[in-house]
Amino acid sequence: MKIAILGAAGDVGTRLMSEALARGHHVTGVVGAENQRNKLPAEASYCVADISDPHQLAQVVEGKDLLISAVRPPEGQEALLVTNGCDI
């Protein structure tokens, strides 16, 4: 299965990536900045994208079977998850 994981460099995202890779899936970790690449498993593919941009998000999911979001908003700004998600 081809999987894209948003928030791949975070605590939950890195665990999801490791588990999916261990199960034999083709995983692309989606990170917000190039310097987050070093947090991902070495065998994973990755891309840098602004997931709040609908066009970039569409490119991320193209050709994927599954999209997993491990994204969380900054502490104290949890409402952004809902309001920004509605814009996409």
PDB file of N, CA and C in Angstrom:
ATOM      1  N   MET A   1       0.836  -1.165   0.000  1.00  0.00           N
ATOM      2  CA  MET A   1       0.000   0.000   0.000  1.00  0.00           C
ATOM      3  C   MET A   1       0.893   1.244   0.000  1.00  0.00           C
ATOM      4  N   LYS A   2       0.480   2.271  -0.707  1.00  0.00           N
ATOM      5  CA  LYS A   2       1.210   3.543  -0.749  1.00  0.00           C
ATOM      6  C   LYS A   2       0.558   4.499   0.250  1.00  0.00           C
ATOM      7  N   ILE A   3       1.334   4.910   1.242  1.00  0.00           N
ATOM      8  CA  ILE A   3       0.807   5.712   2.344  1.00  0.00           C
ATOM      9  C   ILE A   3       1.568   7.028   2.445  1.00  0.00           C
ATOM     10  N   ALA A   4       0.833   8.115   2.664  1.00  0.00           N
ATOM     11  CA  ALA A   4       1.436   9.413   2.989  1.00  0.00           C
ATOM     12  C   ALA A   4       1.063   9.732   4.430  1.00  0.00           C
ATOM     13  N   ILE A   5       2.037  10.189   5.202  1.00  0.00           N
ATOM     14  CA  ILE A   5       1.797  10.531   6.602  1.00  0.00           C
ATOM     15  C   ILE A   5       2.134  11.998   6.814  1.00  0.00           C
ATOM     16  N   LEU A   6       1.113  12.776   7.148  1.00  0.00           N
ATOM     17  CA  LEU A   6       1.298  14.186   7.474  1.00  0.00           C
ATOM     18  C   LEU A   6       1.797  14.285   8.906  1.00  0.00           C
ATOM     19  N   GLY A   7       2.693  15.201   9.160  1.00  0.00           N
ATOM     20  CA  GLY A   7       3.250  15.325  10.506  1.00  0.00           C
ATOM     21  C   GLY A   7       4.213  14.195  10.816  1.00  0.00           C
ATOM     22  N   ALA A   8       4.887  13.727   9.797  1.00  0.00           N
ATOM     23  CA  ALA A   8       5.726  12.537   9.918  1.00  0.00           C
ATOM     24  C   ALA A   8       6.922  12.701  10.844  1.00  0.00           C
ATOM     25  N   ALA A   9       7.340  13.928  11.117  1.00  0.00           N
ATOM     26  CA  ALA A   9       8.522  14.138  11.961  1.00  0.00           C
ATOM     27  C   ALA A   9       8.186  14.236  13.448  1.00  0.00           C
ATOM     28  N   GLY A  10       6.915  14.191  13.775  1.00  0.00           N
ATOM     29  CA  GLY A  10       6.515  14.279  15.179  1.00  0.00           C
ATOM     30  C   GLY A  10       6.586  12.932  15.881  1.00  0.00           C
ATOM     31  N   ASP A  11       6.273  12.934  17.166  1.00  0.00           N
ATOM     32  CA  ASP A  11       6.333  11.698  17.959  1.00  0.00           C
ATOM     33  C   ASP A  11       5.437  10.605  17.392  1.00  0.00           C
ATOM     34  N   VAL A  12       4.193  10.945  17.111  1.00  0.00           N
ATOM     35  CA  VAL A  12       3.253   9.950  16.583  1.00  0.00           C
ATOM     36  C   VAL A  12       3.598   9.609  15.137  1.00  0.00           C
ATOM     37  N   GLY A  13       3.917  10.619  14.342  1.00  0.00           N
ATOM     38  CA  GLY A  13       4.226  10.395  12.931  1.00  0.00           C
ATOM     39  C   GLY A  13       5.399   9.460  12.711  1.00  0.00           C
ATOM     40  N   THR A  14       6.467   9.625  13.497  1.00  0.00           N
ATOM     41  CA  THR A  14       7.629   8.747  13.323  1.00  0.00           C
ATOM     42  C   THR A  14       7.295   7.311  13.700  1.00  0.00           C
ATOM     43  N   ARG A  15       6.469   7.136  14.701  1.00  0.00           N
ATOM     44  CA  ARG A  15       6.065   5.764  15.083  1.00  0.00           C
ATOM     45  C   ARG A  15       5.182   5.138  14.014  1.00  0.00           C
ATOM     46  N   LEU A  16       4.268   5.930  13.465  1.00  0.00           N
ATOM     47  CA  LEU A  16       3.422   5.419  12.385  1.00  0.00           C
ATOM     48  C   LEU A  16       4.269   5.027  11.174  1.00  0.00           C
ATOM     49  N   MET A  17       5.242   5.859  10.841  1.00  0.00           N
ATOM     50  CA  MET A  17       6.106   5.549   9.700  1.00  0.00           C
ATOM     51  C   MET A  17       6.875   4.255   9.921  1.00  0.00           C
ATOM     52  N   SER A  18       7.464   4.108  11.088  1.00  0.00           N
ATOM     53  CA  SER A  18       8.233   2.891  11.385  1.00  0.00           C
ATOM     54  C   SER A  18       7.357   1.650  11.299  1.00  0.00           C
ATOM     55  N   GLU A  19       6.153   1.733  11.838  1.00  0.00           N
ATOM     56  CA  GLU A  19       5.239   0.581  11.814  1.00  0.00           C
ATOM     57  C   GLU A  19       4.816   0.248  10.387  1.00  0.00           C
ATOM     58  N   ALA A  20       4.459   1.254   9.609  1.00  0.00           N
ATOM     59  CA  ALA A  20       4.031   1.011   8.230  1.00  0.00           C
ATOM     60  C   ALA A  20       5.169   0.427   7.392  1.00  0.00           C
ATOM     61  N   LEU A  21       6.373   0.939   7.575  1.00  0.00           N
ATOM     62  CA  LEU A  21       7.529   0.391   6.853  1.00  0.00           C
ATOM     63  C   LEU A  21       7.797  -1.053   7.260  1.00  0.00           C
ATOM     64  N   ALA A  22       7.681  -1.344   8.545  1.00  0.00           N
ATOM     65  CA  ALA A  22       7.902  -2.708   9.039  1.00  0.00           C
ATOM     66  C   ALA A  22       6.887  -3.682   8.450  1.00  0.00           C
ATOM     67  N   ARG A  23       5.715  -3.173   8.109  1.00  0.00           N
ATOM     68  CA  ARG A  23       4.674  -4.018   7.516  1.00  0.00           C
ATOM     69  C   ARG A  23       4.777  -4.093   5.998  1.00  0.00           C
ATOM     70  N   GLY A  24       5.812  -3.479   5.437  1.00  0.00           N
ATOM     71  CA  GLY A  24       6.062  -3.594   4.008  1.00  0.00           C
ATOM     72  C   GLY A  24       5.392  -2.564   3.123  1.00  0.00           C
ATOM     73  N   HIS A  25       4.849  -1.510   3.696  1.00  0.00           N
ATOM     74  CA  HIS A  25       4.194  -0.477   2.899  1.00  0.00           C
ATOM     75  C   HIS A  25       5.216   0.515   2.351  1.00  0.00           C
ATOM     76  N   HIS A  26       4.850   1.181   1.280  1.00  0.00           N
ATOM     77  CA  HIS A  26       5.651   2.268   0.714  1.00  0.00           C
ATOM     78  C   HIS A  26       5.155   3.548   1.369  1.00  0.00           C
ATOM     79  N   VAL A  27       6.014   4.187   2.146  1.00  0.00           N
ATOM     80  CA  VAL A  27       5.597   5.313   2.971  1.00  0.00           C
ATOM     81  C   VAL A  27       6.316   6.591   2.554  1.00  0.00           C
ATOM     82  N   THR A  28       5.540   7.660   2.437  1.00  0.00           N
ATOM     83  CA  THR A  28       6.093   8.989   2.207  1.00  0.00           C
ATOM     84  C   THR A  28       5.765   9.843   3.418  1.00  0.00           C
ATOM     85  N   GLY A  29       6.790  10.321   4.072  1.00  0.00           N
ATOM     86  CA  GLY A  29       6.600  11.218   5.206  1.00  0.00           C
ATOM     87  C   GLY A  29       6.498  12.643   4.707  1.00  0.00           C
ATOM     88  N   VAL A  30       5.486  13.349   5.161  1.00  0.00           N
ATOM     89  CA  VAL A  30       5.290  14.738   4.753  1.00  0.00           C
ATOM     90  C   VAL A  30       5.701  15.633   5.912  1.00  0.00           C
ATOM     91  N   VAL A  31       6.678  16.492   5.646  1.00  0.00           N
ATOM     92  CA  VAL A  31       7.202  17.387   6.678  1.00  0.00           C
ATOM     93  C   VAL A  31       7.064  18.832   6.213  1.00  0.00           C
ATOM     94  N   GLY A  32       7.106  19.749   7.169  1.00  0.00           N
ATOM     95  CA  GLY A  32       6.934  21.159   6.847  1.00  0.00           C
ATOM     96  C   GLY A  32       8.213  21.873   6.467  1.00  0.00           C
ATOM     97  N   ALA A  33       9.361  21.262   6.755  1.00  0.00           N
ATOM     98  CA  ALA A  33      10.646  21.898   6.456  1.00  0.00           C
ATOM     99  C   ALA A  33      11.702  20.834   6.194  1.00  0.00           C
ATOM    100  N   GLU A  34      12.632  21.158   5.336  1.00  0.00           N
ATOM    101  CA  GLU A  34      13.696  20.221   4.948  1.00  0.00           C
ATOM    102  C   GLU A  34      14.484  19.712   6.152  1.00  0.00           C
ATOM    103  N   ASN A  35      14.694  20.563   7.151  1.00  0.00           N
ATOM    104  CA  ASN A  35      15.511  20.151   8.305  1.00  0.00           C
ATOM    105  C   ASN A  35      14.823  19.113   9.190  1.00  0.00           C
ATOM    106  N   GLN A  36      13.562  18.795   8.919  1.00  0.00           N
ATOM    107  CA  GLN A  36      12.870  17.750   9.681  1.00  0.00           C
ATOM    108  C   GLN A  36      13.137  16.359   9.120  1.00  0.00           C
ATOM    109  N   ARG A  37      13.781  16.281   7.978  1.00  0.00           N
ATOM    110  CA  ARG A  37      14.053  14.996   7.318  1.00  0.00           C
ATOM    111  C   ARG A  37      14.825  14.047   8.219  1.00  0.00           C
ATOM    112  N   ASN A  38      15.739  14.591   9.015  1.00  0.00           N
ATOM    113  CA  ASN A  38      16.585  13.723   9.846  1.00  0.00           C
ATOM    114  C   ASN A  38      15.815  13.029  10.962  1.00  0.00           C
ATOM    115  N   LYS A  39      14.575  13.388  11.181  1.00  0.00           N
ATOM    116  CA  LYS A  39      13.756  12.726  12.201  1.00  0.00           C
ATOM    117  C   LYS A  39      13.037  11.495  11.648  1.00  0.00           C
ATOM    118  N   LEU A  40      13.092  11.307  10.341  1.00  0.00           N
ATOM    119  CA  LEU A  40      12.367  10.211   9.698  1.00  0.00           C
ATOM    120  C   LEU A  40      13.253   8.978   9.561  1.00  0.00           C
ATOM    121  N   PRO A  41      12.630   7.796   9.490  1.00  0.00           N
ATOM    122  CA  PRO A  41      13.415   6.582   9.248  1.00  0.00           C
ATOM    123  C   PRO A  41      14.196   6.713   7.934  1.00  0.00           C
ATOM    124  N   ALA A  42      15.422   6.238   7.935  1.00  0.00           N
ATOM    125  CA  ALA A  42      16.311   6.391   6.776  1.00  0.00           C
ATOM    126  C   ALA A  42      15.725   5.794   5.499  1.00  0.00           C
ATOM    127  N   GLU A  43      14.967   4.715   5.623  1.00  0.00           N
ATOM    128  CA  GLU A  43      14.442   4.037   4.433  1.00  0.00           C
ATOM    129  C   GLU A  43      13.162   4.665   3.891  1.00  0.00           C
ATOM    130  N   ALA A  44      12.657   5.698   4.544  1.00  0.00           N
ATOM    131  CA  ALA A  44      11.401   6.324   4.117  1.00  0.00           C
ATOM    132  C   ALA A  44      11.649   7.395   3.068  1.00  0.00           C
ATOM    133  N   SER A  45      10.692   7.529   2.142  1.00  0.00           N
ATOM    134  CA  SER A  45      10.719   8.680   1.250  1.00  0.00           C
ATOM    135  C   SER A  45      10.060   9.830   1.992  1.00  0.00           C
ATOM    136  N   TYR A  46      10.300  11.021   1.512  1.00  0.00           N
ATOM    137  CA  TYR A  46       9.680  12.165   2.167  1.00  0.00           C
ATOM    138  C   TYR A  46       9.458  13.284   1.160  1.00  0.00           C
ATOM    139  N   CYS A  47       8.617  14.227   1.537  1.00  0.00           N
ATOM    140  CA  CYS A  47       8.455  15.448   0.764  1.00  0.00           C
ATOM    141  C   CYS A  47       8.183  16.586   1.735  1.00  0.00           C
ATOM    142  N   VAL A  48       8.538  17.772   1.310  1.00  0.00           N
ATOM    143  CA  VAL A  48       8.289  18.974   2.098  1.00  0.00           C
ATOM    144  C   VAL A  48       7.074  19.655   1.486  1.00  0.00           C
ATOM    145  N   ALA A  49       6.075  19.948   2.316  1.00  0.00           N
ATOM    146  CA  ALA A  49       4.861  20.580   1.811  1.00  0.00           C
ATOM    147  C   ALA A  49       4.192  21.407   2.893  1.00  0.00           C
ATOM    148  N   ASP A  50       3.512  22.447   2.452  1.00  0.00           N
ATOM    149  CA  ASP A  50       2.652  23.234   3.331  1.00  0.00           C
ATOM    150  C   ASP A  50       1.270  22.609   3.224  1.00  0.00           C
ATOM    151  N   ILE A  51       0.893  21.819   4.196  1.00  0.00           N
ATOM    152  CA  ILE A  51      -0.361  21.067   4.096  1.00  0.00           C
ATOM    153  C   ILE A  51      -1.596  21.941   4.260  1.00  0.00           C
ATOM    154  N   SER A  52      -1.414  23.219   4.596  1.00  0.00           N
ATOM    155  CA  SER A  52      -2.565  24.123   4.636  1.00  0.00           C
ATOM    156  C   SER A  52      -2.876  24.669   3.244  1.00  0.00           C
ATOM    157  N   ASP A  53      -2.020  24.379   2.273  1.00  0.00           N
ATOM    158  CA  ASP A  53      -2.226  24.788   0.885  1.00  0.00           C
ATOM    159  C   ASP A  53      -2.901  23.633   0.142  1.00  0.00           C
ATOM    160  N   PRO A  54      -4.155  23.816  -0.294  1.00  0.00           N
ATOM    161  CA  PRO A  54      -4.882  22.717  -0.953  1.00  0.00           C
ATOM    162  C   PRO A  54      -4.161  22.140  -2.167  1.00  0.00           C
ATOM    163  N   HIS A  55      -3.453  22.975  -2.920  1.00  0.00           N
ATOM    164  CA  HIS A  55      -2.751  22.481  -4.114  1.00  0.00           C
ATOM    165  C   HIS A  55      -1.572  21.589  -3.733  1.00  0.00           C
ATOM    166  N   GLN A  56      -0.827  21.991  -2.712  1.00  0.00           N
ATOM    167  CA  GLN A  56       0.289  21.158  -2.260  1.00  0.00           C
ATOM    168  C   GLN A  56      -0.229  19.857  -1.655  1.00  0.00           C
ATOM    169  N   LEU A  57      -1.317  19.947  -0.905  1.00  0.00           N
ATOM    170  CA  LEU A  57      -1.891  18.742  -0.305  1.00  0.00           C
ATOM    171  C   LEU A  57      -2.366  17.777  -1.391  1.00  0.00           C
ATOM    172  N   ALA A  58      -2.957  18.307  -2.443  1.00  0.00           N
ATOM    173  CA  ALA A  58      -3.407  17.458  -3.555  1.00  0.00           C
ATOM    174  C   ALA A  58      -2.226  16.731  -4.195  1.00  0.00           C
ATOM    175  N   GLN A  59      -1.089  17.412  -4.329  1.00  0.00           N
ATOM    176  CA  GLN A  59       0.103  16.770  -4.887  1.00  0.00           C
ATOM    177  C   GLN A  59       0.620  15.670  -3.969  1.00  0.00           C
ATOM    178  N   VAL A  60       0.534  15.909  -2.665  1.00  0.00           N
ATOM    179  CA  VAL A  60       1.001  14.920  -1.685  1.00  0.00           C
ATOM    180  C   VAL A  60       0.208  13.625  -1.798  1.00  0.00           C
ATOM    181  N   VAL A  61      -1.107  13.727  -1.952  1.00  0.00           N
ATOM    182  CA  VAL A  61      -1.950  12.524  -1.929  1.00  0.00           C
ATOM    183  C   VAL A  61      -2.073  11.848  -3.292  1.00  0.00           C
ATOM    184  N   GLU A  62      -1.616  12.507  -4.338  1.00  0.00           N
ATOM    185  CA  GLU A  62      -1.728  11.912  -5.667  1.00  0.00           C
ATOM    186  C   GLU A  62      -1.005  10.566  -5.725  1.00  0.00           C
ATOM    187  N   GLY A  63      -1.730   9.544  -6.149  1.00  0.00           N
ATOM    188  CA  GLY A  63      -1.159   8.211  -6.287  1.00  0.00           C
ATOM    189  C   GLY A  63      -1.069   7.412  -4.997  1.00  0.00           C
ATOM    190  N   LYS A  64      -1.540   7.964  -3.905  1.00  0.00           N
ATOM    191  CA  LYS A  64      -1.479   7.261  -2.615  1.00  0.00           C
ATOM    192  C   LYS A  64      -2.788   6.508  -2.373  1.00  0.00           C
ATOM    193  N   ASP A  65      -2.683   5.412  -1.651  1.00  0.00           N
ATOM    194  CA  ASP A  65      -3.856   4.636  -1.275  1.00  0.00           C
ATOM    195  C   ASP A  65      -4.448   5.113   0.045  1.00  0.00           C
ATOM    196  N   LEU A  66      -3.609   5.723   0.866  1.00  0.00           N
ATOM    197  CA  LEU A  66      -4.034   6.103   2.212  1.00  0.00           C
ATOM    198  C   LEU A  66      -3.300   7.357   2.654  1.00  0.00           C
ATOM    199  N   LEU A  67      -4.026   8.247   3.302  1.00  0.00           N
ATOM    200  CA  LEU A  67      -3.444   9.448   3.900  1.00  0.00           C
ATOM    201  C   LEU A  67      -3.712   9.396   5.396  1.00  0.00           C
ATOM    202  N   ILE A  68      -2.654   9.522   6.182  1.00  0.00           N
ATOM    203  CA  ILE A  68      -2.782   9.536   7.642  1.00  0.00           C
ATOM    204  C   ILE A  68      -2.306  10.893   8.138  1.00  0.00           C
ATOM    205  N   SER A  69      -3.093  11.508   9.004  1.00  0.00           N
ATOM    206  CA  SER A  69      -2.682  12.779   9.592  1.00  0.00           C
ATOM    207  C   SER A  69      -2.256  12.570  11.037  1.00  0.00           C
ATOM    208  N   ALA A  70      -1.002  12.914  11.310  1.00  0.00           N
ATOM    209  CA  ALA A  70      -0.476  12.888  12.676  1.00  0.00           C
ATOM    210  C   ALA A  70      -0.113  14.319  13.078  1.00  0.00           C
ATOM    211  N   VAL A  71      -0.860  15.259  12.526  1.00  0.00           N
ATOM    212  CA  VAL A  71      -0.608  16.680  12.755  1.00  0.00           C
ATOM    213  C   VAL A  71      -1.375  17.144  13.983  1.00  0.00           C
ATOM    214  N   ARG A  72      -0.732  17.996  14.748  1.00  0.00           N
ATOM    215  CA  ARG A  72      -1.439  18.647  15.843  1.00  0.00           C
ATOM    216  C   ARG A  72      -1.065  20.121  15.833  1.00  0.00           C
ATOM    217  N   PRO A  73      -2.005  20.958  16.214  1.00  0.00           N
ATOM    218  CA  PRO A  73      -1.715  22.394  16.260  1.00  0.00           C
ATOM    219  C   PRO A  73      -0.845  22.729  17.469  1.00  0.00           C
ATOM    220  N   PRO A  74      -0.263  23.914  17.475  1.00  0.00           N
ATOM    221  CA  PRO A  74       0.522  24.329  18.639  1.00  0.00           C
ATOM    222  C   PRO A  74      -0.338  24.335  19.905  1.00  0.00           C
ATOM    223  N   GLU A  75       0.286  24.039  21.025  1.00  0.00           N
ATOM    224  CA  GLU A  75      -0.437  24.017  22.296  1.00  0.00           C
ATOM    225  C   GLU A  75      -1.142  25.354  22.520  1.00  0.00           C
ATOM    226  N   GLY A  76      -2.409  25.263  22.897  1.00  0.00           N
ATOM    227  CA  GLY A  76      -3.212  26.452  23.132  1.00  0.00           C
ATOM    228  C   GLY A  76      -3.921  26.964  21.894  1.00  0.00           C
ATOM    229  N   GLN A  77      -3.633  26.355  20.739  1.00  0.00           N
ATOM    230  CA  GLN A  77      -4.257  26.793  19.489  1.00  0.00           C
ATOM    231  C   GLN A  77      -4.985  25.635  18.813  1.00  0.00           C
ATOM    232  N   GLU A  78      -5.602  24.783  19.618  1.00  0.00           N
ATOM    233  CA  GLU A  78      -6.257  23.586  19.103  1.00  0.00           C
ATOM    234  C   GLU A  78      -7.378  23.907  18.115  1.00  0.00           C
ATOM    235  N   ALA A  79      -8.007  25.067  18.246  1.00  0.00           N
ATOM    236  CA  ALA A  79      -9.090  25.446  17.336  1.00  0.00           C
ATOM    237  C   ALA A  79      -8.597  25.576  15.897  1.00  0.00           C
ATOM    238  N   LEU A  80      -7.305  25.818  15.708  1.00  0.00           N
ATOM    239  CA  LEU A  80      -6.758  25.925  14.355  1.00  0.00           C
ATOM    240  C   LEU A  80      -6.941  24.641  13.563  1.00  0.00           C
ATOM    241  N   LEU A  81      -6.919  23.516  14.232  1.00  0.00           N
ATOM    242  CA  LEU A  81      -7.075  22.236  13.550  1.00  0.00           C
ATOM    243  C   LEU A  81      -8.412  22.189  12.833  1.00  0.00           C
ATOM    244  N   VAL A  82      -9.447  22.684  13.489  1.00  0.00           N
ATOM    245  CA  VAL A  82     -10.783  22.684  12.896  1.00  0.00           C
ATOM    246  C   VAL A  82     -10.907  23.773  11.845  1.00  0.00           C
ATOM    247  N   THR A  83     -10.522  24.995  12.175  1.00  0.00           N
ATOM    248  CA  THR A  83     -10.720  26.100  11.231  1.00  0.00           C
ATOM    249  C   THR A  83      -9.854  25.954   9.988  1.00  0.00           C
ATOM    250  N   ASN A  84      -8.609  25.555  10.135  1.00  0.00           N
ATOM    251  CA  ASN A  84      -7.755  25.366   8.961  1.00  0.00           C
ATOM    252  C   ASN A  84      -8.201  24.170   8.142  1.00  0.00           C
ATOM    253  N   GLY A  85      -8.666  23.127   8.796  1.00  0.00           N
ATOM    254  CA  GLY A  85      -9.158  21.954   8.079  1.00  0.00           C
ATOM    255  C   GLY A  85     -10.363  22.274   7.219  1.00  0.00           C
ATOM    256  N   CYS A  86     -11.214  23.173   7.696  1.00  0.00           N
ATOM    257  CA  CYS A  86     -12.395  23.567   6.927  1.00  0.00           C
ATOM    258  C   CYS A  86     -12.014  24.306   5.654  1.00  0.00           C
ATOM    259  N   ASP A  87     -10.900  25.019   5.684  1.00  0.00           N
ATOM    260  CA  ASP A  87     -10.461  25.769   4.511  1.00  0.00           C
ATOM    261  C   ASP A  87      -9.963  24.859   3.401  1.00  0.00           C
ATOM    262  N   ILE A  88      -9.539  23.666   3.745  1.00  0.00           N
ATOM    263  CA  ILE A  88      -9.020  22.738   2.745  1.00  0.00           C
ATOM    264  C   ILE A  88     -10.176  21.990   2.142  1.00  0.00           C
TER     265      ILE A  88
END
